[in-house]
Protein backbone atom coordinates (compact mmCIF):
# COMPACT_ATOMS: atom_id res chain seq x y z
CA MET A 1 -11.96 -11.67 10.94
CA LEU A 2 -13.60 -14.70 11.70
CA GLU A 3 -14.93 -14.54 15.58
CA GLU A 4 -15.79 -17.69 17.22
CA GLU A 5 -17.41 -18.12 20.69
CA VAL A 6 -18.43 -21.11 22.65
CA ILE A 7 -20.63 -20.47 25.92
CA ALA A 8 -21.19 -23.52 28.23
CA GLU A 9 -23.39 -23.76 31.24
CA THR A 10 -22.32 -24.61 34.52
CA GLY A 11 -21.63 -28.19 34.63
CA PHE A 12 -20.55 -28.70 30.92
CA ALA A 13 -17.22 -28.27 29.46
CA ALA A 14 -16.76 -26.98 25.86
CA GLU A 15 -14.08 -26.77 23.04
CA LEU A 16 -13.25 -24.22 20.52
CA PRO A 17 -13.50 -25.57 17.04
CA GLU A 18 -10.11 -27.02 15.89
CA PHE A 19 -8.46 -25.40 13.07
CA ALA A 20 -5.36 -25.91 10.31
CA THR A 21 -4.19 -23.97 7.39
CA GLU A 22 -5.90 -26.48 4.87
CA ASP A 23 -9.45 -26.24 6.43
CA PHE A 24 -9.74 -22.81 4.59
CA ASP A 25 -9.63 -23.49 0.88
CA GLY A 26 -8.37 -20.27 -0.54
CA LEU A 27 -7.98 -18.61 2.64
CA GLY A 28 -4.84 -18.21 4.76
CA ILE A 29 -4.65 -17.50 8.50
CA ALA A 30 -2.56 -14.68 9.15
CA ASP A 31 -3.24 -14.59 13.01
CA VAL A 32 -4.83 -16.35 15.48
CA ASP A 33 -5.65 -14.45 19.03
CA GLU A 34 -7.58 -16.38 22.14
CA ASP A 35 -8.78 -14.48 24.90
CA ALA A 36 -8.63 -15.97 28.67
CA VAL A 37 -11.81 -17.99 29.85
CA GLU A 38 -14.08 -15.96 31.26
CA ARG A 39 -17.01 -16.79 33.93
CA ASP A 40 -20.07 -15.11 33.71
CA GLY A 41 -22.49 -16.17 36.08
CA GLY A 42 -23.43 -19.79 35.56
CA PHE A 43 -21.81 -19.58 31.92
CA THR A 44 -18.27 -20.21 30.77
CA VAL A 45 -17.22 -18.18 27.60
CA ARG A 46 -14.14 -19.09 25.44
CA ARG A 47 -13.60 -16.32 22.30
CA ARG A 48 -11.25 -16.85 19.30
CA ARG A 49 -10.17 -14.69 16.21
CA LEU A 50 -8.73 -15.60 13.15
CA THR A 51 -7.66 -13.37 10.94
CA LEU A 52 -7.91 -14.61 7.20
CA GLU A 53 -6.53 -13.16 4.26
CA PRO A 54 -7.63 -14.57 0.54
CA GLU A 55 -5.01 -16.35 -1.26
CA ARG A 56 -7.05 -15.78 -4.48
CA SER A 57 -9.75 -14.19 -5.95
CA GLY A 58 -13.37 -15.79 -6.74
CA GLU A 59 -16.00 -17.42 -4.94
CA LEU A 60 -14.79 -18.60 -1.37
CA VAL A 61 -16.44 -20.15 1.58
CA ILE A 62 -15.64 -20.08 5.39
CA PRO A 63 -16.33 -23.79 6.02
CA VAL A 64 -18.73 -25.07 8.78
CA ARG A 65 -17.25 -24.95 12.10
CA GLU A 66 -18.01 -27.32 14.55
CA ALA A 67 -17.57 -27.16 18.63
CA TRP A 68 -17.73 -29.96 20.98
CA PHE A 69 -18.96 -29.80 24.42
CA HIS A 70 -19.67 -32.60 27.11
CA ARG A 71 -20.90 -32.76 30.66
CA ASP A 72 -18.46 -32.69 33.38
CA GLY A 73 -16.96 -35.92 34.11
CA ALA A 74 -18.88 -37.79 31.09
CA ASP A 75 -17.07 -39.54 28.31
CA GLU A 76 -19.64 -38.99 25.51
CA GLU A 77 -19.31 -35.45 23.66
CA SER A 78 -21.69 -33.69 21.69
CA SER A 79 -21.24 -31.31 19.03
CA VAL A 80 -23.18 -27.83 17.39
CA ALA A 81 -22.09 -26.23 14.28
CA SER A 82 -22.46 -23.01 12.05
CA GLU A 83 -23.45 -22.69 8.75
CA ALA A 84 -20.85 -22.23 5.96
CA ILE A 85 -20.27 -18.59 4.88
CA PRO A 86 -19.81 -17.78 1.30
CA ILE A 87 -17.81 -14.74 0.29
CA THR A 88 -16.46 -13.00 -3.06
CA VAL A 89 -13.08 -11.58 -3.50
CA GLU A 90 -13.10 -9.59 -6.66
CA PRO A 91 -10.18 -9.62 -9.08
CA ILE A 92 -7.74 -6.62 -9.36
CA GLU A 93 -8.31 -5.64 -12.97
CA ASP A 94 -4.87 -3.87 -13.18
CA ALA A 95 -2.25 -6.75 -13.07
CA ASP A 96 0.82 -4.22 -12.99
CA ALA A 97 -1.00 -2.68 -9.49
CA VAL A 98 0.37 -5.52 -7.69
CA ALA A 99 3.76 -5.46 -9.12
CA LEU A 100 6.60 -4.91 -6.78
CA PRO A 101 9.45 -2.40 -7.55
CA GLU A 102 12.84 -3.51 -8.26
CA ALA A 103 14.27 -2.19 -4.85
CA ARG A 104 11.92 -4.11 -2.11
CA PRO A 105 8.64 -5.42 -2.30
CA VAL A 106 5.91 -3.06 -1.34
CA PHE A 107 2.86 -4.79 -2.60
CA ARG A 108 0.36 -5.74 0.03
CA PRO A 109 -2.58 -7.75 -0.63
CA GLU A 110 -4.62 -6.81 2.30
CA ASP A 111 -3.83 -3.23 1.82
CA VAL A 112 -5.60 -3.53 -1.72
CA LEU A 113 -8.42 -5.37 -0.57
CA VAL A 114 -8.93 -2.92 2.29
CA GLU A 115 -9.08 -0.25 -0.21
CA ASP A 116 -11.51 -1.95 -2.53
CA GLY A 117 -13.61 -2.62 0.42
CA LEU A 118 -13.38 -6.35 -0.01
CA SER A 119 -12.44 -7.06 3.66
CA ALA A 120 -15.36 -7.98 6.18
CA TRP A 121 -15.82 -8.86 9.61
CA TRP A 122 -17.63 -12.73 10.46
CA TRP A 123 -18.91 -13.82 13.71
CA VAL A 124 -19.93 -16.95 14.13
CA LEU A 125 -21.38 -17.59 17.70
CA LEU A 126 -21.49 -21.06 19.14
CA ALA A 127 -24.08 -21.23 21.94
CA LEU A 128 -23.79 -24.57 24.00
CA PRO A 129 -26.76 -24.48 26.34
CA ALA A 130 -27.44 -27.73 28.25
CA ALA A 131 -30.65 -28.06 26.31
CA VAL A 132 -28.55 -29.74 23.41
CA ALA A 133 -26.65 -32.38 25.77
CA GLY A 134 -28.98 -35.07 24.00
CA LEU A 135 -27.14 -34.68 21.03
CA VAL A 136 -24.69 -37.15 21.80
CA LEU A 137 -21.93 -38.33 19.02
CA LEU A 138 -19.04 -40.42 19.30
CA ARG A 139 -16.25 -39.18 21.37
CA ARG A 140 -13.28 -38.12 19.30
CA ARG A 141 -10.26 -39.37 20.67
CA ARG A 142 -7.08 -37.42 20.00
CA ARG A 143 -3.97 -39.73 18.69
CA PRO A 144 -0.26 -38.69 19.66
CA GLU A 145 1.08 -36.84 16.98
CA PRO A 146 3.87 -38.81 15.06
CA PRO A 147 7.49 -37.21 15.04
CA PRO A 148 7.60 -34.47 12.43
CA ARG A 149 9.19 -35.31 8.92
CA PRO A 150 11.99 -33.28 7.50
CA ALA A 151 10.76 -30.30 5.77
CA HIS A 152 12.08 -31.01 2.59
CA GLU A 153 10.53 -34.38 2.31
CA LEU A 154 7.15 -32.87 2.86
CA ALA A 155 7.86 -30.35 0.13
CA TRP A 156 8.93 -32.77 -2.15
CA GLU A 157 6.00 -35.03 -1.65
CA ALA A 158 3.63 -32.03 -2.14
CA LEU A 159 5.31 -30.85 -5.54
CA ARG A 160 4.87 -34.63 -6.69
CA ARG A 161 1.19 -34.26 -5.65
CA LEU A 162 0.81 -30.79 -7.63
CA ALA A 163 2.59 -32.18 -10.72
CA ALA A 164 0.29 -35.16 -10.61
CA ALA A 165 -3.01 -32.99 -10.22
CA LYS A 166 -2.24 -31.67 -13.73
CA LEU A 167 -3.37 -28.28 -13.01
CA LEU A 168 -1.56 -26.47 -15.83
CA GLU A 169 -2.85 -29.03 -18.37
CA ALA A 170 -6.32 -28.13 -17.51
CA GLY A 171 -5.77 -24.27 -17.93
CA GLU A 172 -5.90 -23.96 -14.19
CA VAL A 173 -2.85 -21.54 -13.76
CA GLU A 174 -4.32 -19.64 -10.72
CA ARG A 175 -4.86 -22.67 -8.49
CA PHE A 176 -1.63 -23.83 -9.57
CA PHE A 177 0.01 -20.93 -8.21
CA VAL A 178 -1.62 -20.96 -5.04
CA ALA A 179 -0.66 -24.45 -4.13
CA LEU A 180 3.02 -23.63 -5.12
CA SER A 181 3.51 -20.54 -3.35
CA ALA A 182 1.73 -22.66 -0.27
CA ILE A 183 4.34 -25.33 -0.75
CA LEU A 184 7.04 -22.76 -0.69
CA ARG A 185 5.94 -20.68 2.13
CA GLU A 186 5.39 -24.07 4.24
CA TYR A 187 8.86 -25.30 3.66
CA VAL A 188 10.31 -22.00 4.84
CA GLU A 189 8.25 -22.27 8.05
CA ARG A 190 9.26 -25.70 8.70
CA ARG A 191 12.98 -25.41 7.89
CA PHE A 192 13.56 -21.96 8.93
CA GLY A 193 11.09 -20.86 11.57
CA VAL A 194 9.93 -18.01 9.39
CA ARG A 195 6.29 -17.56 9.67
CA ALA A 196 5.98 -17.32 5.84
CA PRO A 197 2.42 -18.92 5.69
CA GLU A 198 0.68 -15.95 7.54
CA ARG A 199 2.64 -13.18 6.11
CA THR A 200 2.33 -10.90 3.13
CA THR A 201 4.94 -10.94 0.63
CA ARG A 202 6.26 -7.86 1.94
CA GLU A 203 6.48 -9.14 5.28
CA PHE A 204 8.05 -12.23 4.38
CA LEU A 205 10.83 -10.74 2.26
CA GLY A 206 11.40 -8.11 4.76
CA GLU A 207 12.26 -10.51 7.27
CA ALA A 208 14.08 -13.32 4.94
CA VAL A 209 16.67 -10.46 3.70
CA ASP A 210 18.05 -10.40 7.41
CA HIS A 211 18.24 -14.21 7.80
CA PRO A 212 21.52 -15.95 7.56
CA ASN A 213 20.28 -18.67 5.79
CA LEU A 214 17.77 -16.93 3.53
CA ALA A 215 19.26 -13.64 2.37
CA GLU A 216 21.25 -15.00 -0.53
CA HIS A 217 17.97 -16.50 -2.18
CA CYS A 218 15.86 -13.59 -1.78
CA ALA A 219 16.41 -12.25 -5.20
CA GLY A 220 14.65 -15.80 -6.74
CA LEU A 221 11.94 -15.64 -4.17
CA GLU A 222 11.12 -12.27 -4.90
CA ARG A 223 10.71 -12.80 -8.28
CA PHE A 224 8.47 -15.82 -7.69
CA LEU A 225 6.38 -14.27 -5.03
CA GLU A 226 5.65 -11.30 -7.14
CA LEU A 227 4.76 -13.34 -10.04
CA ALA A 228 2.31 -15.46 -7.71
CA ASP A 229 0.84 -12.77 -6.23
CA ARG A 230 -0.07 -11.21 -9.71
CA VAL A 231 -1.64 -14.40 -11.10
CA LYS A 232 -3.57 -14.95 -7.70
CA PHE A 233 -4.91 -11.11 -7.37
CA ALA A 234 -4.79 -9.92 -10.73
CA ARG A 235 -5.82 -12.90 -12.72
CA HIS A 236 -2.32 -12.48 -14.66
CA ARG A 237 -1.90 -15.35 -16.91
CA PRO A 238 1.99 -15.67 -17.41
CA GLU A 239 3.97 -17.02 -20.23
CA ASP A 240 5.27 -20.67 -19.86
CA SER A 241 8.54 -19.98 -19.48
CA ARG A 242 7.90 -17.60 -16.68
CA ILE A 243 5.84 -20.52 -15.25
CA GLN A 244 8.37 -22.95 -15.67
CA GLU A 245 10.51 -20.58 -13.95
CA ALA A 246 8.66 -20.67 -10.80
CA VAL A 247 8.70 -24.13 -10.60
CA ASP A 248 12.51 -24.08 -11.15
CA VAL A 249 12.95 -21.49 -8.35
CA THR A 250 10.89 -23.48 -5.86
CA ARG A 251 12.69 -27.00 -6.81
CA THR A 252 16.06 -25.27 -6.51
CA PHE A 253 15.36 -23.47 -3.41
CA VAL A 254 14.19 -26.84 -1.66
CA GLU A 255 17.53 -28.68 -2.99
CA THR A 256 19.95 -26.08 -1.69
CA THR A 257 18.45 -25.22 1.35
CA GLN A 258 17.17 -29.09 2.50
CA GLU A 259 18.70 -30.21 5.70
CA VAL A 260 21.59 -32.59 5.33
CA ALA A 261 21.20 -35.93 7.40
CA ARG A 262 24.28 -36.60 9.98
CA ALA A 263 25.81 -39.43 9.72
C-alpha cells in the first residue's frame, strides 16, 4: 500500500501526484482510494491510497512522487517531491506452487506474497507549507485528451514494440512475459470493460467466464495467464514452444475479438 498525503496552508491549493499504470515499473495498481478533502484548522488535507501488486520478482522501486501547489489566484506553481523507495520481491522457489488446477484458477499472487511476509506498507508524506512557496517552477498546463484509439490498434502497436525490443533474444524471458500479459490485460479492459490490469488471475478469469464475449476464450486465456504467473513469480523458464504458444494465444485473441469498423 502506498499512502500519499498533501497538506496545504490557508491561501494555498495543492494537488496529489498524478499517477498512471506505467509510472510503476514492475508494480500494478490494484486499487485506488481517495479520502474526501479535510479541513483541519488552517490546513487542507488530501489523502490517497494506492494498492500496488508486484508483477515480477526482483528489485523494484516506487518512483519519486511529485505534488504541485500554488497560491490561491496565482498562475505559477511549485512542487515538492518524495524520495524513491526501493523494495525487493523474492521469487517463489517452487514453480509448481503457482500452477492452476484444471477446474478453475486458484492461484492468487498476493496470497503467496502475504504468507511469505513480502507485503509492505509505505507512507509518503508530502507536506506543503507556505515556506516553500519560493520554489516556483514552470506551470504545467493540461492539454485536452485526444479521442481514444480502438483497443485493438493499441494492442497491435504494443505487440510490435515488444517484438522490436528483442527481449527473448536477450534471454529476458521474465520481462517479456510481464509485457505480454500487460498487453493482453490492457486490451481486455479497453475492449470489454473488464478491469483485467488491476485484478489477479483468479479474479479476472472468474469474471471472464461469465462475460458473454469472453467465456469462449477462457481456456486459452487461462493457459496463458497460468504460464505468465509462473514465469513472473517463480522464475519458471518455459520451452520455446510454450513461449510461442503464449504469443499465438495473445495475437489470436486480439484478432478474433477486435471491434469491426462499421461502414
